[in-house]
């Protein structure tokens, strides 16, 4: 570079196109416009396709949610249906016993025992299990309720006597067994 040359003056002004640029732009402008229009049409088609897929997925999700809510509602409404079906014959037996006018004590006792077996069977079918701890078994505060502690000739904190049976329903305590517990010595 010579001292008289000014590199800034040899450059075209900012924003000016090179001398042959108008011809080049004129030649590529129709091609670019055509490819841009094609690209835009392609993107719009893809957008419609994705929007349609989204709306369908959203509708399907809403349908699944609605069906699940209906099933939950029906499950709550008819949750005791099986249990009620098991209890109806027990009620029938009790009504039949009341209808007999001149029954003897033995007949009534026999009917009560049969109805009790029927009731126990209905409870068992519905996963209601009797909780009747044996005397001497370990006191379990999760399944037993201690009414009192009594002095006894057995290990401390063991069941002495069951005052009222408890019940489990599907491994969950429905009612704890009421028990007396051996006091520490």
N, C-alpha and C. Protein backbone atom coordinates (compact mmCIF):
# COMPACT_ATOMS: atom_id res chain seq x y z
N UNK A 1 0.83 -1.14 0.00
CA UNK A 1 0.00 0.00 0.00
C UNK A 1 0.92 1.26 0.00
N UNK A 2 0.58 2.18 -0.84
CA UNK A 2 1.38 3.40 -0.94
C UNK A 2 0.77 4.45 -0.03
N UNK A 3 1.57 5.48 0.31
CA UNK A 3 1.04 6.46 1.23
C UNK A 3 -0.11 7.23 0.63
N UNK A 4 -0.25 7.31 -0.68
CA UNK A 4 -1.34 8.07 -1.27
C UNK A 4 -2.64 7.26 -1.34
N UNK A 5 -2.54 5.98 -1.20
CA UNK A 5 -3.75 5.15 -1.30
C UNK A 5 -4.50 5.18 0.01
N UNK A 6 -5.79 5.30 -0.07
CA UNK A 6 -6.62 5.29 1.12
C UNK A 6 -7.55 4.07 1.01
N UNK A 7 -7.35 3.07 1.85
CA UNK A 7 -8.16 1.87 1.71
C UNK A 7 -9.64 2.14 1.93
N UNK A 8 -10.00 3.12 2.70
CA UNK A 8 -11.41 3.38 2.97
C UNK A 8 -12.10 3.97 1.75
N UNK A 9 -11.36 4.69 0.91
CA UNK A 9 -11.99 5.29 -0.26
C UNK A 9 -12.11 4.32 -1.40
N UNK A 10 -11.33 3.26 -1.40
CA UNK A 10 -11.40 2.27 -2.48
C UNK A 10 -12.58 1.32 -2.30
N UNK A 11 -13.16 1.27 -1.13
CA UNK A 11 -14.28 0.37 -0.86
C UNK A 11 -15.58 1.04 -1.27
N UNK A 12 -16.54 0.28 -1.74
CA UNK A 12 -17.82 0.88 -2.05
C UNK A 12 -18.48 1.37 -0.76
N UNK A 13 -19.37 2.35 -0.86
CA UNK A 13 -20.03 2.85 0.35
C UNK A 13 -20.85 1.73 1.01
N UNK A 14 -21.08 1.86 2.31
CA UNK A 14 -21.82 0.84 3.05
C UNK A 14 -23.22 0.73 2.48
N UNK A 15 -23.69 -0.52 2.30
CA UNK A 15 -25.03 -0.77 1.79
C UNK A 15 -25.08 -0.77 0.29
N UNK A 16 -23.99 -0.37 -0.42
CA UNK A 16 -24.01 -0.37 -1.87
C UNK A 16 -23.66 -1.76 -2.36
N UNK A 17 -24.32 -2.18 -3.43
CA UNK A 17 -24.08 -3.50 -3.99
C UNK A 17 -22.92 -3.42 -4.96
N UNK A 18 -22.21 -4.51 -5.20
CA UNK A 18 -21.15 -4.52 -6.20
C UNK A 18 -21.73 -4.17 -7.55
N UNK A 19 -20.89 -3.82 -8.49
CA UNK A 19 -21.33 -3.36 -9.80
C UNK A 19 -22.16 -4.40 -10.54
N UNK A 20 -21.83 -5.64 -10.45
CA UNK A 20 -22.56 -6.68 -11.17
C UNK A 20 -23.70 -7.27 -10.33
N UNK A 21 -23.96 -6.77 -9.16
CA UNK A 21 -24.98 -7.32 -8.26
C UNK A 21 -26.38 -7.18 -8.81
N UNK A 22 -26.82 -6.10 -9.43
CA UNK A 22 -28.20 -6.02 -9.90
C UNK A 22 -28.51 -7.10 -10.90
N UNK A 23 -27.61 -7.45 -11.72
CA UNK A 23 -27.86 -8.50 -12.71
C UNK A 23 -27.97 -9.85 -12.02
N UNK A 24 -27.12 -10.10 -11.02
CA UNK A 24 -27.15 -11.38 -10.32
C UNK A 24 -28.44 -11.52 -9.52
N UNK A 25 -28.88 -10.42 -8.88
CA UNK A 25 -30.12 -10.46 -8.11
C UNK A 25 -31.31 -10.67 -9.01
N UNK A 26 -31.28 -10.06 -10.13
CA UNK A 26 -32.40 -10.20 -11.06
C UNK A 26 -32.51 -11.62 -11.55
N UNK A 27 -31.39 -12.28 -11.72
CA UNK A 27 -31.42 -13.65 -12.20
C UNK A 27 -31.87 -14.62 -11.11
N UNK A 28 -31.50 -14.41 -9.84
CA UNK A 28 -31.85 -15.34 -8.76
C UNK A 28 -33.15 -14.98 -8.06
N UNK A 29 -33.66 -13.81 -8.24
CA UNK A 29 -34.88 -13.39 -7.56
C UNK A 29 -36.07 -14.28 -7.89
N UNK A 30 -36.35 -14.63 -9.15
CA UNK A 30 -37.48 -15.53 -9.41
C UNK A 30 -37.27 -16.91 -8.81
N UNK A 31 -36.04 -17.41 -8.87
CA UNK A 31 -35.76 -18.73 -8.28
C UNK A 31 -35.99 -18.69 -6.77
N UNK A 32 -35.49 -17.67 -6.08
CA UNK A 32 -35.63 -17.53 -4.64
C UNK A 32 -37.09 -17.37 -4.26
N UNK A 33 -37.81 -16.58 -5.01
CA UNK A 33 -39.22 -16.38 -4.72
C UNK A 33 -39.99 -17.67 -4.89
N UNK A 34 -39.65 -18.44 -5.92
CA UNK A 34 -40.32 -19.72 -6.15
C UNK A 34 -39.97 -20.71 -5.04
N UNK A 35 -38.70 -20.79 -4.66
CA UNK A 35 -38.31 -21.73 -3.61
C UNK A 35 -38.85 -21.29 -2.26
N UNK A 36 -38.91 -19.97 -2.01
CA UNK A 36 -39.49 -19.49 -0.75
C UNK A 36 -40.98 -19.80 -0.68
N UNK A 37 -41.68 -19.62 -1.79
CA UNK A 37 -43.11 -19.92 -1.83
C UNK A 37 -43.35 -21.41 -1.63
N UNK A 38 -42.50 -22.23 -2.24
CA UNK A 38 -42.63 -23.68 -2.07
C UNK A 38 -42.33 -24.08 -0.63
N UNK A 39 -41.30 -23.46 -0.07
CA UNK A 39 -40.94 -23.76 1.32
C UNK A 39 -42.06 -23.32 2.26
N UNK A 40 -42.64 -22.15 2.00
CA UNK A 40 -43.74 -21.66 2.81
C UNK A 40 -44.94 -22.59 2.71
N UNK A 41 -45.27 -23.04 1.52
CA UNK A 41 -46.40 -23.96 1.33
C UNK A 41 -46.13 -25.27 2.05
N UNK A 42 -44.88 -25.73 1.98
CA UNK A 42 -44.51 -26.98 2.65
C UNK A 42 -44.64 -26.83 4.17
N UNK A 43 -44.17 -25.69 4.69
CA UNK A 43 -44.26 -25.45 6.13
C UNK A 43 -45.72 -25.27 6.58
N UNK A 44 -46.53 -24.62 5.79
CA UNK A 44 -47.95 -24.47 6.13
C UNK A 44 -48.65 -25.82 6.14
N UNK A 45 -48.33 -26.68 5.16
CA UNK A 45 -48.92 -28.03 5.13
C UNK A 45 -48.49 -28.82 6.35
N UNK A 46 -47.22 -28.71 6.70
CA UNK A 46 -46.70 -29.42 7.88
C UNK A 46 -47.38 -28.88 9.15
N UNK A 47 -47.56 -27.55 9.20
CA UNK A 47 -48.24 -26.94 10.34
C UNK A 47 -49.67 -27.46 10.46
N UNK A 48 -50.41 -27.53 9.36
CA UNK A 48 -51.79 -28.05 9.39
C UNK A 48 -51.79 -29.51 9.86
N UNK A 49 -50.83 -30.28 9.37
CA UNK A 49 -50.74 -31.70 9.74
C UNK A 49 -50.47 -31.85 11.24
N UNK A 50 -49.50 -31.09 11.75
CA UNK A 50 -49.18 -31.17 13.18
C UNK A 50 -50.32 -30.63 14.04
N UNK A 51 -50.96 -29.57 13.59
CA UNK A 51 -52.09 -29.01 14.33
C UNK A 51 -53.23 -30.02 14.39
N UNK A 52 -53.50 -30.70 13.28
CA UNK A 52 -54.54 -31.73 13.24
C UNK A 52 -54.19 -32.87 14.20
N UNK A 53 -52.91 -33.30 14.16
CA UNK A 53 -52.48 -34.38 15.06
C UNK A 53 -52.61 -33.95 16.51
N UNK A 54 -52.25 -32.71 16.80
CA UNK A 54 -52.37 -32.19 18.17
C UNK A 54 -53.82 -32.18 18.63
N UNK A 55 -54.71 -31.67 17.78
CA UNK A 55 -56.12 -31.60 18.15
C UNK A 55 -56.71 -33.00 18.35
N UNK A 56 -56.30 -33.95 17.52
CA UNK A 56 -56.79 -35.33 17.70
C UNK A 56 -56.27 -35.93 19.00
N UNK A 57 -54.99 -35.70 19.29
CA UNK A 57 -54.41 -36.22 20.54
C UNK A 57 -55.09 -35.58 21.75
N UNK A 58 -55.35 -34.28 21.66
CA UNK A 58 -56.03 -33.58 22.76
C UNK A 58 -57.44 -34.13 22.97
N UNK A 59 -58.15 -34.36 21.87
CA UNK A 59 -59.50 -34.92 21.97
C UNK A 59 -59.46 -36.33 22.56
N UNK A 60 -58.50 -37.13 22.14
CA UNK A 60 -58.38 -38.50 22.67
C UNK A 60 -58.08 -38.47 24.17
N UNK A 61 -57.21 -37.55 24.57
CA UNK A 61 -56.88 -37.42 26.00
C UNK A 61 -58.12 -37.01 26.79
N UNK A 62 -58.88 -36.10 26.27
CA UNK A 62 -60.12 -35.68 26.95
C UNK A 62 -61.10 -36.85 27.05
N UNK A 63 -61.21 -37.65 25.99
CA UNK A 63 -62.10 -38.81 26.01
C UNK A 63 -61.64 -39.83 27.06
N UNK A 64 -60.33 -40.08 27.13
CA UNK A 64 -59.81 -41.02 28.12
C UNK A 64 -60.08 -40.51 29.53
N UNK A 65 -59.84 -39.20 29.76
CA UNK A 65 -60.09 -38.62 31.07
C UNK A 65 -61.56 -38.72 31.44
N UNK A 66 -62.45 -38.42 30.49
CA UNK A 66 -63.89 -38.48 30.75
C UNK A 66 -64.33 -39.91 31.07
N UNK A 67 -63.83 -40.89 30.27
CA UNK A 67 -64.18 -42.29 30.53
C UNK A 67 -63.67 -42.74 31.90
N UNK A 68 -62.46 -42.31 32.27
CA UNK A 68 -61.90 -42.68 33.58
C UNK A 68 -62.74 -42.09 34.70
N UNK A 69 -63.17 -40.85 34.55
CA UNK A 69 -64.03 -40.22 35.57
C UNK A 69 -65.36 -40.96 35.69
N UNK A 70 -65.93 -41.38 34.56
CA UNK A 70 -67.19 -42.13 34.59
C UNK A 70 -67.00 -43.47 35.30
N UNK A 71 -65.88 -44.15 35.02
CA UNK A 71 -65.62 -45.45 35.66
C UNK A 71 -65.42 -45.28 37.15
N UNK A 72 -64.71 -44.23 37.55
CA UNK A 72 -64.51 -43.98 38.98
C UNK A 72 -65.84 -43.68 39.65
N UNK A 73 -66.66 -42.91 38.99
CA UNK A 73 -67.98 -42.58 39.54
C UNK A 73 -68.82 -43.85 39.71
N UNK A 74 -68.81 -44.72 38.70
CA UNK A 74 -69.56 -45.97 38.80
C UNK A 74 -68.99 -46.86 39.88
N UNK A 75 -67.65 -46.91 40.00
CA UNK A 75 -67.02 -47.74 41.03
C UNK A 75 -67.44 -47.28 42.42
N UNK A 76 -67.47 -45.97 42.62
CA UNK A 76 -67.90 -45.44 43.93
C UNK A 76 -69.37 -45.75 44.19
N UNK A 77 -70.17 -45.56 43.15
CA UNK A 77 -71.62 -45.74 43.30
C UNK A 77 -71.98 -47.19 43.60
N UNK A 78 -71.29 -48.13 42.95
CA UNK A 78 -71.63 -49.54 43.09
C UNK A 78 -70.59 -50.33 43.86
N UNK A 79 -69.79 -49.67 44.69
CA UNK A 79 -68.71 -50.33 45.43
C UNK A 79 -69.23 -51.42 46.36
N UNK A 80 -70.39 -51.24 46.93
CA UNK A 80 -70.91 -52.20 47.90
C UNK A 80 -71.85 -53.21 47.26
N UNK A 81 -71.96 -53.21 45.94
CA UNK A 81 -72.90 -54.10 45.27
C UNK A 81 -72.64 -55.57 45.62
N UNK A 82 -71.39 -56.00 45.55
CA UNK A 82 -71.07 -57.39 45.84
C UNK A 82 -71.41 -57.73 47.30
N UNK A 83 -71.06 -56.81 48.19
CA UNK A 83 -71.35 -57.04 49.61
C UNK A 83 -72.85 -57.10 49.85
N UNK A 84 -73.60 -56.21 49.21
CA UNK A 84 -75.06 -56.18 49.37
C UNK A 84 -75.68 -57.48 48.85
N UNK A 85 -75.17 -57.98 47.71
CA UNK A 85 -75.68 -59.25 47.17
C UNK A 85 -75.45 -60.39 48.15
N UNK A 86 -74.33 -60.36 48.89
CA UNK A 86 -74.05 -61.40 49.88
C UNK A 86 -74.93 -61.28 51.11
N UNK A 87 -75.36 -60.06 51.43
CA UNK A 87 -76.14 -59.85 52.65
C UNK A 87 -77.64 -60.09 52.46
N UNK A 88 -78.13 -60.00 51.24
CA UNK A 88 -79.57 -60.17 50.99
C UNK A 88 -80.06 -61.55 51.46
N UNK A 89 -79.37 -62.66 51.18
CA UNK A 89 -79.85 -63.95 51.70
C UNK A 89 -79.89 -64.02 53.22
N UNK A 90 -78.96 -63.33 53.88
CA UNK A 90 -78.96 -63.31 55.35
C UNK A 90 -80.24 -62.61 55.84
N UNK A 91 -80.57 -61.51 55.22
CA UNK A 91 -81.80 -60.79 55.57
C UNK A 91 -83.02 -61.68 55.32
N UNK A 92 -83.02 -62.38 54.18
CA UNK A 92 -84.13 -63.29 53.87
C UNK A 92 -84.30 -64.34 54.97
N UNK A 93 -83.19 -64.91 55.44
CA UNK A 93 -83.25 -65.93 56.48
C UNK A 93 -83.81 -65.37 57.79
N UNK A 94 -83.39 -64.16 58.14
CA UNK A 94 -83.90 -63.55 59.37
C UNK A 94 -85.40 -63.25 59.25
N UNK A 95 -85.84 -62.78 58.09
CA UNK A 95 -87.27 -62.52 57.89
C UNK A 95 -88.07 -63.82 57.95
N UNK A 96 -87.52 -64.90 57.39
CA UNK A 96 -88.21 -66.19 57.43
C UNK A 96 -88.34 -66.68 58.87
N UNK A 97 -87.30 -66.45 59.68
CA UNK A 97 -87.35 -66.87 61.09
C UNK A 97 -88.42 -66.09 61.85
N UNK A 98 -88.54 -64.83 61.56
CA UNK A 98 -89.55 -64.00 62.24
C UNK A 98 -90.96 -64.42 61.81
N UNK A 99 -91.11 -64.88 60.59
CA UNK A 99 -92.43 -65.24 60.06
C UNK A 99 -93.00 -66.51 60.71
N UNK A 100 -92.14 -67.36 61.27
CA UNK A 100 -92.62 -68.59 61.92
C UNK A 100 -93.23 -68.21 63.27
N UNK A 101 -94.54 -68.48 63.43
CA UNK A 101 -95.25 -68.06 64.64
C UNK A 101 -95.01 -68.99 65.83
N UNK A 102 -95.08 -70.26 65.62
CA UNK A 102 -95.02 -71.21 66.73
C UNK A 102 -93.73 -72.01 66.73
N UNK A 103 -92.62 -71.38 66.50
CA UNK A 103 -91.33 -72.09 66.47
C UNK A 103 -90.88 -72.40 67.89
N UNK A 104 -90.26 -73.55 68.03
CA UNK A 104 -89.71 -73.93 69.34
C UNK A 104 -88.36 -73.25 69.51
N UNK A 105 -87.87 -73.26 70.74
CA UNK A 105 -86.56 -72.66 71.01
C UNK A 105 -85.46 -73.37 70.21
N UNK A 106 -85.58 -74.69 70.09
CA UNK A 106 -84.58 -75.46 69.35
C UNK A 106 -84.59 -75.07 67.87
N UNK A 107 -85.78 -74.90 67.31
CA UNK A 107 -85.88 -74.50 65.91
C UNK A 107 -85.29 -73.10 65.69
N UNK A 108 -85.61 -72.19 66.60
CA UNK A 108 -85.06 -70.84 66.50
C UNK A 108 -83.54 -70.84 66.62
N UNK A 109 -83.02 -71.61 67.58
CA UNK A 109 -81.57 -71.69 67.77
C UNK A 109 -80.90 -72.29 66.53
N UNK A 110 -81.50 -73.31 65.97
CA UNK A 110 -80.95 -73.93 64.75
C UNK A 110 -80.96 -72.91 63.59
N UNK A 111 -82.03 -72.15 63.47
CA UNK A 111 -82.13 -71.12 62.42
C UNK A 111 -81.11 -70.00 62.62
N UNK A 112 -80.90 -69.61 63.89
CA UNK A 112 -79.92 -68.57 64.19
C UNK A 112 -78.52 -69.06 63.82
N UNK A 113 -78.19 -70.30 64.16
CA UNK A 113 -76.88 -70.86 63.81
C UNK A 113 -76.70 -70.92 62.28
N UNK A 114 -77.72 -71.32 61.57
CA UNK A 114 -77.64 -71.38 60.10
C UNK A 114 -77.46 -69.98 59.52
N UNK A 115 -78.19 -69.02 60.07
CA UNK A 115 -78.06 -67.64 59.59
C UNK A 115 -76.69 -67.08 59.92
N UNK A 116 -76.14 -67.40 61.08
CA UNK A 116 -74.80 -66.96 61.45
C UNK A 116 -73.76 -67.54 60.50
N UNK A 117 -73.89 -68.82 60.14
CA UNK A 117 -72.97 -69.43 59.16
C UNK A 117 -73.08 -68.73 57.81
N UNK A 118 -74.30 -68.40 57.43
CA UNK A 118 -74.55 -67.69 56.17
C UNK A 118 -73.89 -66.30 56.21
N UNK A 119 -74.03 -65.62 57.32
CA UNK A 119 -73.43 -64.30 57.49
C UNK A 119 -71.90 -64.39 57.45
N UNK A 120 -71.33 -65.36 58.16
CA UNK A 120 -69.88 -65.54 58.18
C UNK A 120 -69.35 -65.82 56.78
N UNK A 121 -70.08 -66.63 56.03
CA UNK A 121 -69.69 -66.94 54.66
C UNK A 121 -69.74 -65.69 53.78
N UNK A 122 -70.78 -64.88 53.95
CA UNK A 122 -70.90 -63.64 53.16
C UNK A 122 -69.76 -62.68 53.49
N UNK A 123 -69.43 -62.55 54.76
CA UNK A 123 -68.32 -61.69 55.15
C UNK A 123 -67.00 -62.19 54.58
N UNK A 124 -66.78 -63.49 54.66
CA UNK A 124 -65.54 -64.08 54.14
C UNK A 124 -65.41 -63.86 52.63
N UNK A 125 -66.50 -64.03 51.89
CA UNK A 125 -66.47 -63.80 50.43
C UNK A 125 -66.09 -62.37 50.10
N UNK A 126 -66.41 -61.44 50.99
CA UNK A 126 -66.11 -60.04 50.78
C UNK A 126 -64.85 -59.59 51.53
N UNK A 127 -64.01 -60.54 51.88
CA UNK A 127 -62.70 -60.29 52.49
C UNK A 127 -62.78 -59.62 53.86
N UNK A 128 -63.87 -59.87 54.58
CA UNK A 128 -63.97 -59.40 55.96
C UNK A 128 -63.62 -60.60 56.83
N UNK A 129 -62.47 -60.47 57.52
CA UNK A 129 -61.92 -61.59 58.29
C UNK A 129 -62.02 -61.28 59.78
N UNK A 130 -62.41 -62.29 60.54
CA UNK A 130 -62.54 -62.16 61.99
C UNK A 130 -61.15 -62.03 62.62
N UNK A 131 -61.06 -61.15 63.60
CA UNK A 131 -59.82 -60.94 64.35
C UNK A 131 -60.09 -61.35 65.79
N UNK A 132 -59.67 -62.58 66.13
CA UNK A 132 -59.96 -63.16 67.45
C UNK A 132 -58.65 -63.74 68.01
N UNK A 133 -57.83 -62.89 68.65
CA UNK A 133 -56.53 -63.38 69.13
C UNK A 133 -56.68 -64.42 70.24
N UNK A 134 -55.83 -65.40 70.18
CA UNK A 134 -55.85 -66.47 71.20
C UNK A 134 -55.25 -65.95 72.50
N UNK A 135 -55.77 -66.43 73.65
CA UNK A 135 -55.16 -66.03 74.93
C UNK A 135 -53.68 -66.41 74.93
N UNK A 136 -52.86 -65.48 75.41
CA UNK A 136 -51.42 -65.71 75.45
C UNK A 136 -50.69 -65.17 74.22
N UNK A 137 -51.44 -64.78 73.20
CA UNK A 137 -50.78 -64.21 72.01
C UNK A 137 -50.32 -62.79 72.31
N UNK A 138 -49.33 -62.34 71.62
CA UNK A 138 -48.74 -61.02 71.82
C UNK A 138 -49.76 -59.92 71.51
N UNK A 139 -49.83 -58.91 72.36
CA UNK A 139 -50.71 -57.76 72.15
C UNK A 139 -50.17 -56.95 70.96
N UNK A 140 -51.02 -56.68 69.98
CA UNK A 140 -50.65 -55.88 68.81
C UNK A 140 -51.52 -54.63 68.79
N UNK A 141 -50.94 -53.47 69.09
CA UNK A 141 -51.75 -52.24 69.15
C UNK A 141 -52.36 -51.85 67.80
N UNK A 142 -51.87 -52.44 66.71
CA UNK A 142 -52.43 -52.14 65.39
C UNK A 142 -53.71 -52.93 65.12
N UNK A 143 -53.90 -54.05 65.86
CA UNK A 143 -55.07 -54.89 65.64
C UNK A 143 -55.93 -55.06 66.89
N UNK A 144 -55.38 -54.73 68.04
CA UNK A 144 -56.09 -54.93 69.31
C UNK A 144 -56.23 -53.60 70.04
N UNK A 145 -57.29 -53.52 70.83
CA UNK A 145 -57.47 -52.36 71.70
C UNK A 145 -57.56 -52.89 73.12
N UNK A 146 -56.60 -52.48 73.95
CA UNK A 146 -56.57 -52.95 75.34
C UNK A 146 -57.58 -52.16 76.16
N UNK A 147 -58.48 -52.90 76.80
CA UNK A 147 -59.49 -52.28 77.66
C UNK A 147 -58.93 -52.12 79.07
N UNK A 148 -58.17 -53.12 79.51
CA UNK A 148 -57.57 -53.05 80.84
C UNK A 148 -56.37 -53.98 80.91
N UNK A 149 -55.56 -53.74 81.96
CA UNK A 149 -54.43 -54.64 82.23
C UNK A 149 -54.76 -55.36 83.53
N UNK A 150 -54.62 -56.66 83.49
CA UNK A 150 -54.97 -57.46 84.67
C UNK A 150 -53.77 -58.33 85.06
N UNK A 151 -53.61 -58.60 86.35
CA UNK A 151 -52.54 -59.51 86.74
C UNK A 151 -52.88 -60.92 86.24
N UNK A 152 -51.89 -61.57 85.66
CA UNK A 152 -52.13 -62.91 85.12
C UNK A 152 -50.85 -63.71 85.16
N UNK A 153 -51.00 -65.01 85.16
CA UNK A 153 -49.87 -65.94 85.17
C UNK A 153 -49.41 -66.22 83.74
N UNK A 154 -49.06 -65.19 83.02
CA UNK A 154 -48.54 -65.34 81.66
C UNK A 154 -47.64 -64.15 81.37
N UNK A 155 -47.00 -64.17 80.23
CA UNK A 155 -46.07 -63.10 79.84
C UNK A 155 -46.79 -61.74 79.88
N UNK A 156 -46.08 -60.69 80.29
CA UNK A 156 -46.68 -59.35 80.24
C UNK A 156 -46.95 -58.94 78.79
N UNK A 157 -47.93 -58.07 78.61
CA UNK A 157 -48.34 -57.57 77.29
C UNK A 157 -48.79 -58.67 76.34
N UNK A 158 -49.46 -59.66 76.89
CA UNK A 158 -50.09 -60.69 76.06
C UNK A 158 -51.59 -60.66 76.34
N UNK A 159 -52.35 -61.17 75.41
CA UNK A 159 -53.81 -61.16 75.53
C UNK A 159 -54.24 -62.16 76.60
N UNK A 160 -55.06 -61.69 77.54
CA UNK A 160 -55.62 -62.58 78.57
C UNK A 160 -56.98 -63.06 78.11
N UNK A 161 -57.82 -62.12 77.65
CA UNK A 161 -59.17 -62.49 77.25
C UNK A 161 -59.65 -61.52 76.16
N UNK A 162 -60.44 -62.06 75.23
CA UNK A 162 -61.04 -61.23 74.17
C UNK A 162 -62.45 -60.88 74.63
N UNK A 163 -62.73 -59.58 74.72
CA UNK A 163 -64.05 -59.13 75.12
C UNK A 163 -64.97 -58.95 73.90
N UNK A 164 -64.37 -58.57 72.78
CA UNK A 164 -65.14 -58.40 71.54
C UNK A 164 -64.20 -58.65 70.37
N UNK A 165 -64.65 -59.50 69.45
CA UNK A 165 -63.83 -59.80 68.28
C UNK A 165 -63.66 -58.56 67.42
N UNK A 166 -62.54 -58.52 66.71
CA UNK A 166 -62.30 -57.44 65.76
C UNK A 166 -62.45 -57.99 64.35
N UNK A 167 -62.32 -57.13 63.38
CA UNK A 167 -62.46 -57.54 61.97
C UNK A 167 -61.46 -56.80 61.10
N UNK A 168 -60.95 -57.51 60.12
CA UNK A 168 -60.09 -56.95 59.09
C UNK A 168 -60.85 -56.98 57.78
N UNK A 169 -60.62 -56.00 56.95
CA UNK A 169 -61.17 -56.04 55.61
C UNK A 169 -60.00 -55.82 54.66
N UNK A 170 -59.67 -56.86 53.91
CA UNK A 170 -58.55 -56.83 52.97
C UNK A 170 -57.28 -56.33 53.67
N UNK A 171 -56.91 -56.95 54.77
CA UNK A 171 -55.69 -56.65 55.54
C UNK A 171 -55.73 -55.30 56.28
N UNK A 172 -56.85 -54.63 56.28
CA UNK A 172 -56.97 -53.35 56.98
C UNK A 172 -57.94 -53.53 58.14
N UNK A 173 -57.61 -52.94 59.28
CA UNK A 173 -58.44 -53.11 60.48
C UNK A 173 -59.75 -52.34 60.29
N UNK A 174 -60.84 -53.10 60.33
CA UNK A 174 -62.17 -52.51 60.28
C UNK A 174 -62.58 -52.13 61.70
N UNK A 175 -62.33 -53.05 62.62
CA UNK A 175 -62.59 -52.80 64.04
C UNK A 175 -61.56 -53.60 64.83
N UNK A 176 -60.84 -52.96 65.76
CA UNK A 176 -59.86 -53.73 66.54
C UNK A 176 -60.56 -54.65 67.54
N UNK A 177 -59.89 -55.71 67.89
CA UNK A 177 -60.41 -56.62 68.90
C UNK A 177 -60.23 -55.97 70.27
N UNK A 178 -61.29 -56.00 71.10
CA UNK A 178 -61.21 -55.46 72.46
C UNK A 178 -60.68 -56.56 73.38
N UNK A 179 -59.57 -56.31 74.04
CA UNK A 179 -58.92 -57.35 74.83
C UNK A 179 -58.49 -56.83 76.19
N UNK A 180 -58.32 -57.76 77.12
CA UNK A 180 -57.62 -57.45 78.36
C UNK A 180 -56.20 -57.99 78.20
N UNK A 181 -55.25 -57.30 78.81
CA UNK A 181 -53.83 -57.61 78.62
C UNK A 181 -53.20 -57.93 79.96
N UNK A 182 -52.24 -58.84 79.94
CA UNK A 182 -51.53 -59.21 81.17
C UNK A 182 -50.64 -58.05 81.60
N UNK A 183 -50.73 -57.69 82.89
CA UNK A 183 -49.95 -56.59 83.43
C UNK A 183 -48.52 -57.07 83.71
N UNK A 184 -47.57 -56.14 83.67
CA UNK A 184 -46.19 -56.53 84.02
C UNK A 184 -46.14 -56.98 85.48
N UNK A 185 -45.25 -57.89 85.77
CA UNK A 185 -45.15 -58.43 87.15
C UNK A 185 -44.29 -57.59 88.01
